[in-house]
Amino acid sequence: MRERDLKESKKQSEKQKQIVPVIQSGLILILVVFVIFMMVQIQRLQGTARVINYAGLVRGATQREVKLEITKEESDELIRYLDDILDGLKYGNGNYHLTRLPNKDYQSKLDMQIEYWQELKNEIYKVREKGYEATDVVEMSERYFSYADDTVSAAETYSEMIADKIRMLEYLSAFDMVLLIGLIIEQYFLSKKIAKANKLLKKKAYLDVHTELPNKSRCEELLQNSEFLSKSTVCLMFDLNNLKIVNDSLGHAAGDSLISNFARILRNVVLAKDFVGRFGGDEFMVVLYESGREEAEVFLGDLKAQIENFNKYSKSSPISYAHGYAVSGDYSECTLRTLMDKADHSMYMNKQKEKGTNR
């Protein structure tokens, strides 16, 4: 059941790992698209600003040209300057690197301004021939000013439209980033939650339900370390005596009680830094780290005292066990597996000795 739960948790974790990157990639791609569109719109806005600036210059320069002509100061250079700017505003070319605004209202206003500029130029040439009193140049310049003002206003309206698009893209980009950050935060906490759940499930998978000690799988995992023991270590193996007799005569509940009582006492004797686990049905393994023969004898003495005290006052089946241990310092290039095998052999010899003594 626990293995199935662990597998389900892993499947959920793997599924999450597959889905989240896809969503993150999608949000990042959308953000990149928004940024590209924003850059395009900003470039357009910059071009529009130049258009508004030069459209305003046309308006002022035309008034200056009319005043010069009235005072008999002819300026063909200023007329060419105005022609170049209007041509640049219309087609997006010329010496001033102006942008052609793709806006119908602006283009319509600009066309009316350019058309009327041609009429105003003809009137200016008449001023040179007949004098300004004989022409309508002043009235026409005022009307032209109105056309130019309409063109500038249309360009400004278009500029505001672009600014609104940029603001919208900024809002969408910010929303996208919030989603992305939220997803990252959610993934962080979810990964921690899954890791915690996996750790708990793994712990349960390595826990013996009956004794609440690490089970055989955990013991085997510990023994898989093939590194040589660099510090003095002791491995002890224990085997309960008479478990089959207790099961047959008193029932399996009594046998289970015998196992759990021994496991509880063993766990109480073992220090927090050391390891104790249920290696099999009635077998237990203890590892004393940074310990030698003297610490092993002290440990066995403490265990014996607690077992004797339990047997003296408890009404449960008395606990009897065989044991054996091995010290890493007695062997060269010793792994924990080797040490356990030596301790297991020592326990077997101890059990055979007790059987011979009891005959």
Protein backbone atom coordinates (compact mmCIF):
# COMPACT_ATOMS: atom_id res chain seq x y z
CA MET A 1 0.00 0.00 0.00
CA ARG A 2 2.81 2.38 0.92
CA GLU A 3 4.75 1.52 -2.21
CA ARG A 4 1.65 2.28 -4.25
CA ASP A 5 1.22 5.63 -2.48
CA LEU A 6 4.89 6.41 -3.13
CA LYS A 7 4.48 5.55 -6.82
CA GLU A 8 1.32 7.71 -7.06
CA SER A 9 3.16 10.61 -5.42
CA LYS A 10 6.03 10.21 -7.85
CA LYS A 11 3.61 10.10 -10.79
CA GLN A 12 1.96 13.31 -9.57
CA SER A 13 5.36 14.92 -9.15
CA GLU A 14 6.45 13.86 -12.63
CA LYS A 15 3.18 15.07 -14.16
CA GLN A 16 3.60 18.41 -12.41
CA LYS A 17 7.17 18.65 -13.67
CA GLN A 18 5.95 18.10 -17.25
CA ILE A 19 3.01 20.53 -17.16
CA VAL A 20 4.60 23.46 -15.31
CA PRO A 21 7.51 24.00 -17.77
CA VAL A 22 5.00 24.08 -20.66
CA ILE A 23 2.92 26.76 -18.91
CA GLN A 24 6.05 28.71 -17.96
CA SER A 25 7.34 28.54 -21.53
CA GLY A 26 3.97 29.75 -22.81
CA LEU A 27 3.93 32.70 -20.41
CA ILE A 28 7.52 33.59 -21.30
CA LEU A 29 6.71 33.40 -25.02
CA ILE A 30 3.67 35.65 -24.53
CA LEU A 31 5.82 38.08 -22.55
CA VAL A 32 8.42 38.15 -25.34
CA VAL A 33 5.67 38.85 -27.90
CA PHE A 34 4.31 41.68 -25.73
CA VAL A 35 7.79 43.18 -25.39
CA ILE A 36 8.38 43.00 -29.16
CA PHE A 37 5.03 44.68 -29.86
CA MET A 38 5.83 47.28 -27.22
CA MET A 39 9.19 48.03 -28.83
CA VAL A 40 7.49 48.43 -32.22
CA GLN A 41 4.91 50.79 -30.75
CA ILE A 42 7.59 52.80 -28.93
CA GLN A 43 9.48 53.16 -32.20
CA ARG A 44 6.28 54.36 -33.86
CA LEU A 45 5.69 56.79 -31.01
CA GLN A 46 9.18 58.21 -31.45
CA GLY A 47 8.54 58.63 -35.18
CA THR A 48 5.19 60.25 -34.46
CA ALA A 49 6.87 62.73 -32.11
CA ARG A 50 9.19 63.82 -34.93
CA VAL A 51 6.20 64.16 -37.25
CA ILE A 52 4.34 66.35 -34.76
CA ASN A 53 7.46 68.44 -34.27
CA TYR A 54 8.05 69.00 -38.00
CA ALA A 55 4.35 69.52 -38.70
CA GLY A 56 4.50 72.33 -36.15
CA LEU A 57 7.65 73.69 -37.80
CA VAL A 58 5.81 73.80 -41.14
CA ARG A 59 3.07 75.85 -39.58
CA GLY A 60 5.51 78.40 -38.11
CA ALA A 61 7.86 78.47 -41.12
CA THR A 62 4.96 79.13 -43.52
CA GLN A 63 3.90 82.19 -41.50
CA ARG A 64 7.50 83.43 -41.60
CA GLU A 65 7.64 82.91 -45.37
CA VAL A 66 4.47 84.92 -45.89
CA LYS A 67 5.82 87.77 -43.73
CA LEU A 68 9.11 87.79 -45.68
CA GLU A 69 7.28 87.96 -49.00
CA ILE A 70 5.08 90.82 -47.76
CA THR A 71 8.20 92.78 -46.83
CA LYS A 72 9.66 91.98 -50.27
CA GLU A 73 12.30 89.57 -48.89
CA GLU A 74 11.93 86.65 -51.24
CA SER A 75 13.08 83.26 -49.89
CA ASP A 76 13.00 80.39 -52.37
CA GLU A 77 15.20 78.43 -49.95
CA LEU A 78 12.50 78.56 -47.27
CA ILE A 79 9.90 77.43 -49.82
CA ARG A 80 12.10 74.45 -50.77
CA TYR A 81 12.52 73.70 -47.05
CA LEU A 82 8.74 73.61 -46.63
CA ASP A 83 8.31 71.44 -49.75
CA ASP A 84 10.89 68.94 -48.44
CA ILE A 85 9.22 68.66 -45.04
CA LEU A 86 5.72 68.22 -46.49
CA ASP A 87 7.07 65.62 -48.92
CA GLY A 88 8.73 63.78 -46.01
CA LEU A 89 5.53 63.89 -43.96
CA LYS A 90 3.55 62.52 -46.90
CA TYR A 91 5.87 59.72 -48.08
CA GLY A 92 8.23 59.18 -45.16
CA ASN A 93 11.39 60.08 -47.02
CA GLY A 94 13.60 63.09 -47.64
CA ASN A 95 16.43 64.72 -45.73
CA TYR A 96 14.67 64.82 -42.38
CA HIS A 97 14.07 61.06 -41.88
CA LEU A 98 10.40 61.53 -41.15
CA THR A 99 7.92 58.68 -40.70
CA ARG A 100 4.80 58.20 -42.76
CA LEU A 101 1.99 57.83 -40.25
CA PRO A 102 -0.43 55.00 -41.25
CA ASN A 103 -3.49 56.90 -40.09
CA LYS A 104 -6.35 57.79 -42.47
CA ASP A 105 -7.49 60.90 -40.63
CA TYR A 106 -3.95 62.27 -40.44
CA GLN A 107 -3.25 61.49 -44.11
CA SER A 108 -6.51 63.12 -45.14
CA LYS A 109 -5.68 66.29 -43.19
CA LEU A 110 -2.13 66.29 -44.56
CA ASP A 111 -3.39 65.95 -48.15
CA MET A 112 -5.66 68.97 -47.66
CA GLN A 113 -2.76 70.94 -46.19
CA ILE A 114 -0.40 70.03 -49.05
CA GLU A 115 -3.05 70.85 -51.67
CA TYR A 116 -3.68 74.22 -50.11
CA TRP A 117 0.08 74.84 -49.79
CA GLN A 118 0.31 74.67 -53.59
CA GLU A 119 -2.38 77.34 -53.84
CA LEU A 120 -0.61 79.45 -51.22
CA LYS A 121 2.68 79.19 -53.11
CA ASN A 122 0.98 80.43 -56.28
CA GLU A 123 -0.37 83.35 -54.32
CA ILE A 124 3.14 84.07 -52.96
CA TYR A 125 4.48 84.23 -56.52
CA LYS A 126 1.71 86.74 -57.35
CA VAL A 127 2.89 88.84 -54.39
CA ARG A 128 6.31 89.03 -56.01
CA GLU A 129 4.74 90.29 -59.25
CA LYS A 130 1.94 92.57 -58.02
CA GLY A 131 2.59 93.23 -54.33
CA TYR A 132 0.72 91.70 -51.45
CA GLU A 133 -2.05 94.36 -51.53
CA ALA A 134 -3.27 92.96 -54.83
CA THR A 135 -3.45 89.38 -53.50
CA ASP A 136 -5.25 87.32 -50.84
CA VAL A 137 -2.00 85.98 -49.37
CA VAL A 138 -2.77 87.11 -45.79
CA GLU A 139 -6.21 85.53 -45.70
CA MET A 140 -4.91 82.39 -47.38
CA SER A 141 -2.02 82.11 -44.91
CA GLU A 142 -4.50 82.23 -42.04
CA ARG A 143 -6.57 79.52 -43.65
CA TYR A 144 -3.44 77.47 -44.30
CA PHE A 145 -2.57 77.85 -40.65
CA SER A 146 -5.93 76.22 -39.84
CA TYR A 147 -5.14 73.29 -42.17
CA ALA A 148 -1.71 72.87 -40.58
CA ASP A 149 -3.25 73.00 -37.12
CA ASP A 150 -5.70 70.20 -38.12
CA THR A 151 -2.79 68.07 -39.36
CA VAL A 152 -0.85 68.52 -36.11
CA SER A 153 -3.99 67.71 -34.10
CA ALA A 154 -4.55 64.49 -36.11
CA ALA A 155 -0.92 63.47 -35.54
CA GLU A 156 -1.27 64.11 -31.81
CA THR A 157 -4.46 62.01 -31.69
CA TYR A 158 -2.63 59.17 -33.45
CA SER A 159 0.22 59.55 -30.97
CA GLU A 160 -2.21 59.20 -28.07
CA MET A 161 -3.60 56.03 -29.66
CA ILE A 162 -0.10 54.55 -29.78
CA ALA A 163 0.52 55.61 -26.18
CA ASP A 164 -2.71 53.85 -25.18
CA LYS A 165 -1.53 50.67 -26.93
CA ILE A 166 1.80 50.86 -25.13
CA ARG A 167 0.03 51.28 -21.80
CA MET A 168 -2.20 48.30 -22.58
CA LEU A 169 0.85 46.21 -23.50
CA GLU A 170 2.52 47.30 -20.26
CA TYR A 171 -0.53 46.17 -18.26
CA LEU A 172 -0.68 42.85 -20.13
CA SER A 173 3.07 42.32 -19.68
CA ALA A 174 2.80 43.11 -15.97
CA PHE A 175 -0.13 40.68 -15.65
CA ASP A 176 1.85 38.04 -17.51
CA MET A 177 4.84 38.56 -15.21
CA VAL A 178 2.60 38.34 -12.15
CA LEU A 179 1.24 35.02 -13.44
CA LEU A 180 4.77 33.83 -14.16
CA ILE A 181 6.03 34.84 -10.72
CA GLY A 182 2.93 33.34 -9.11
CA LEU A 183 3.52 30.09 -10.99
CA ILE A 184 7.15 30.01 -9.89
CA ILE A 185 6.16 30.64 -6.27
CA GLU A 186 3.40 28.03 -6.46
CA GLN A 187 5.82 25.55 -8.03
CA TYR A 188 8.34 26.26 -5.29
CA PHE A 189 5.88 25.56 -2.48
CA LEU A 190 4.34 22.64 -4.37
CA SER A 191 7.76 21.07 -4.91
CA LYS A 192 8.48 21.49 -1.20
CA LYS A 193 5.11 19.93 -0.37
CA ILE A 194 5.72 17.03 -2.75
CA ALA A 195 9.26 16.58 -1.43
CA LYS A 196 7.91 16.53 2.12
CA ALA A 197 5.19 14.04 1.16
CA ASN A 198 7.72 11.87 -0.67
CA LYS A 199 10.03 12.00 2.31
CA LEU A 200 7.18 10.98 4.62
CA LEU A 201 6.09 8.19 2.29
CA LYS A 202 9.67 7.02 1.91
CA LYS A 203 10.04 7.05 5.67
CA LYS A 204 6.87 5.00 6.00
CA ALA A 205 8.07 2.65 3.27
CA TYR A 206 11.20 2.00 5.35
CA LEU A 207 9.33 1.70 8.65
CA ASP A 208 8.30 -1.58 10.24
CA VAL A 209 4.68 -1.06 11.30
CA HIS A 210 4.74 -3.51 14.18
CA THR A 211 7.90 -2.26 15.95
CA GLU A 212 8.13 1.27 14.42
CA LEU A 213 11.81 0.53 13.74
CA PRO A 214 13.48 0.79 10.32
CA ASN A 215 12.54 -2.34 8.39
CA LYS A 216 14.66 -4.81 6.41
CA SER A 217 14.59 -2.61 3.29
CA ARG A 218 16.13 0.25 5.27
CA CYS A 219 18.72 -2.09 6.77
CA GLU A 220 19.62 -3.37 3.29
CA GLU A 221 19.88 0.19 1.98
CA LEU A 222 22.31 0.99 4.78
CA LEU A 223 24.36 -2.11 3.95
CA GLN A 224 24.58 -1.19 0.26
CA ASN A 225 27.27 1.39 1.05
CA SER A 226 30.41 -0.22 -0.33
CA GLU A 227 32.83 2.31 1.16
CA PHE A 228 35.38 1.04 3.63
CA LEU A 229 34.71 2.08 7.22
CA SER A 230 37.20 4.82 8.10
CA LYS A 231 36.19 5.07 11.77
CA SER A 232 35.79 2.30 14.32
CA THR A 233 32.28 0.87 14.03
CA VAL A 234 30.44 -1.97 15.76
CA CYS A 235 27.64 -4.04 14.21
CA LEU A 236 25.48 -6.20 16.50
CA MET A 237 22.93 -8.83 15.45
CA PHE A 238 20.17 -10.14 17.70
CA ASP A 239 17.87 -13.13 17.35
CA LEU A 240 14.92 -13.78 19.67
CA ASN A 241 14.79 -17.21 21.22
CA ASN A 242 11.66 -19.33 21.51
CA LEU A 243 9.49 -17.17 19.22
CA LYS A 244 8.03 -20.22 17.48
CA ILE A 245 7.25 -21.86 20.82
CA VAL A 246 5.46 -18.70 22.03
CA ASN A 247 3.48 -18.48 18.77
CA ASP A 248 2.48 -22.15 18.90
CA SER A 249 1.61 -22.25 22.61
CA LEU A 250 0.27 -18.75 23.33
CA GLY A 251 -0.73 -17.51 19.86
CA HIS A 252 0.70 -15.03 17.40
CA ALA A 253 -0.53 -12.07 19.47
CA ALA A 254 1.84 -13.15 22.24
CA GLY A 255 4.62 -13.59 19.68
CA ASP A 256 3.98 -10.11 18.30
CA SER A 257 4.06 -8.73 21.84
CA LEU A 258 7.41 -10.46 22.45
CA ILE A 259 8.87 -8.85 19.32
CA SER A 260 7.49 -5.37 20.09
CA ASN A 261 8.69 -5.50 23.72
CA PHE A 262 12.20 -6.43 22.68
CA ALA A 263 12.21 -3.74 19.95
CA ARG A 264 11.09 -1.09 22.44
CA ILE A 265 13.83 -1.98 24.95
CA LEU A 266 16.44 -2.16 22.19
CA ARG A 267 15.43 1.26 20.91
CA ASN A 268 15.69 2.72 24.41
CA VAL A 269 19.25 1.44 24.83
CA VAL A 270 20.51 2.59 21.41
CA LEU A 271 21.74 6.20 21.31
CA ALA A 272 20.26 8.72 18.85
CA LYS A 273 23.49 8.82 16.81
CA ASP A 274 23.40 5.06 16.23
CA PHE A 275 21.15 2.80 14.16
CA VAL A 276 18.70 0.07 15.13
CA GLY A 277 16.43 -1.82 12.75
CA ARG A 278 14.37 -4.98 12.38
CA PHE A 279 16.38 -7.14 9.99
CA GLY A 280 13.90 -10.00 9.74
CA GLY A 281 11.05 -11.69 11.54
CA ASP A 282 12.87 -12.14 14.86
CA GLU A 283 16.24 -10.62 13.93
CA PHE A 284 17.43 -7.11 14.75
CA MET A 285 20.51 -5.14 13.67
CA VAL A 286 22.31 -2.39 15.61
CA VAL A 287 25.15 -0.18 14.36
CA LEU A 288 27.23 1.74 16.87
CA TYR A 289 29.18 4.49 15.11
CA GLU A 290 32.58 5.68 16.32
CA SER A 291 32.57 2.83 18.85
CA GLY A 292 34.75 -0.15 19.67
CA ARG A 293 34.71 -3.34 21.71
CA GLU A 294 34.44 -1.51 25.01
CA GLU A 295 31.35 0.45 23.89
CA ALA A 296 29.82 -2.77 22.55
CA GLU A 297 30.25 -4.54 25.90
CA VAL A 298 28.75 -1.55 27.76
CA PHE A 299 25.81 -1.57 25.34
CA LEU A 300 25.22 -5.31 25.83
CA GLY A 301 25.43 -4.87 29.58
CA ASP A 302 22.80 -2.11 29.56
CA LEU A 303 20.55 -4.17 27.31
CA LYS A 304 20.90 -7.26 29.53
CA ALA A 305 20.03 -5.22 32.64
CA GLN A 306 16.89 -3.79 31.05
CA ILE A 307 15.80 -7.18 29.72
CA GLU A 308 16.27 -8.78 33.15
CA ASN A 309 14.31 -5.96 34.76
CA PHE A 310 11.51 -6.42 32.19
CA ASN A 311 11.38 -10.19 32.71
CA LYS A 312 11.27 -9.70 36.49
CA TYR A 313 8.25 -7.38 36.58
CA SER A 314 6.37 -8.07 33.34
CA LYS A 315 3.59 -10.61 32.98
CA SER A 316 4.35 -10.97 29.27
CA SER A 317 6.42 -13.78 27.81
CA PRO A 318 10.02 -13.52 29.05
CA ILE A 319 12.53 -12.22 26.55
CA SER A 320 15.51 -14.35 25.62
CA TYR A 321 17.87 -13.63 22.78
CA ALA A 322 21.11 -14.64 21.12
CA HIS A 323 23.54 -11.99 20.00
CA GLY A 324 26.81 -11.46 18.26
CA TYR A 325 28.90 -8.50 17.24
CA ALA A 326 31.91 -7.52 15.18
CA VAL A 327 34.27 -4.54 15.38
CA SER A 328 35.59 -2.95 12.18
CA GLY A 329 39.03 -2.47 13.71
CA ASP A 330 39.52 -6.25 13.70
CA TYR A 331 39.45 -6.35 9.90
CA SER A 332 41.28 -4.53 7.10
CA GLU A 333 39.28 -2.80 4.37
CA CYS A 334 35.98 -3.58 6.07
CA THR A 335 32.59 -2.49 4.75
CA LEU A 336 29.40 -2.38 6.78
CA ARG A 337 28.14 -5.43 4.87
CA THR A 338 31.26 -7.37 5.82
CA LEU A 339 30.87 -6.27 9.43
CA MET A 340 27.23 -7.39 9.49
CA ASP A 341 28.14 -10.80 8.07
CA LYS A 342 30.78 -11.23 10.79
CA ALA A 343 28.30 -10.17 13.48
CA ASP A 344 25.63 -12.48 12.05
CA HIS A 345 28.08 -15.40 12.15
CA SER A 346 28.99 -14.51 15.74
CA MET A 347 25.26 -14.45 16.64
CA TYR A 348 24.75 -17.85 15.02
CA MET A 349 27.64 -19.30 17.01
CA ASN A 350 26.19 -17.76 20.20
CA LYS A 351 22.77 -19.28 19.45
CA GLN A 352 24.26 -22.72 18.83
CA LYS A 353 26.24 -22.43 22.05
CA GLU A 354 23.10 -21.59 24.04
CA LYS A 355 21.23 -24.47 22.45
CA GLY A 356 24.05 -26.83 23.47
CA THR A 357 24.04 -25.43 26.97
CA ASN A 358 20.28 -25.88 27.34
CA ARG A 359 20.36 -29.57 26.33
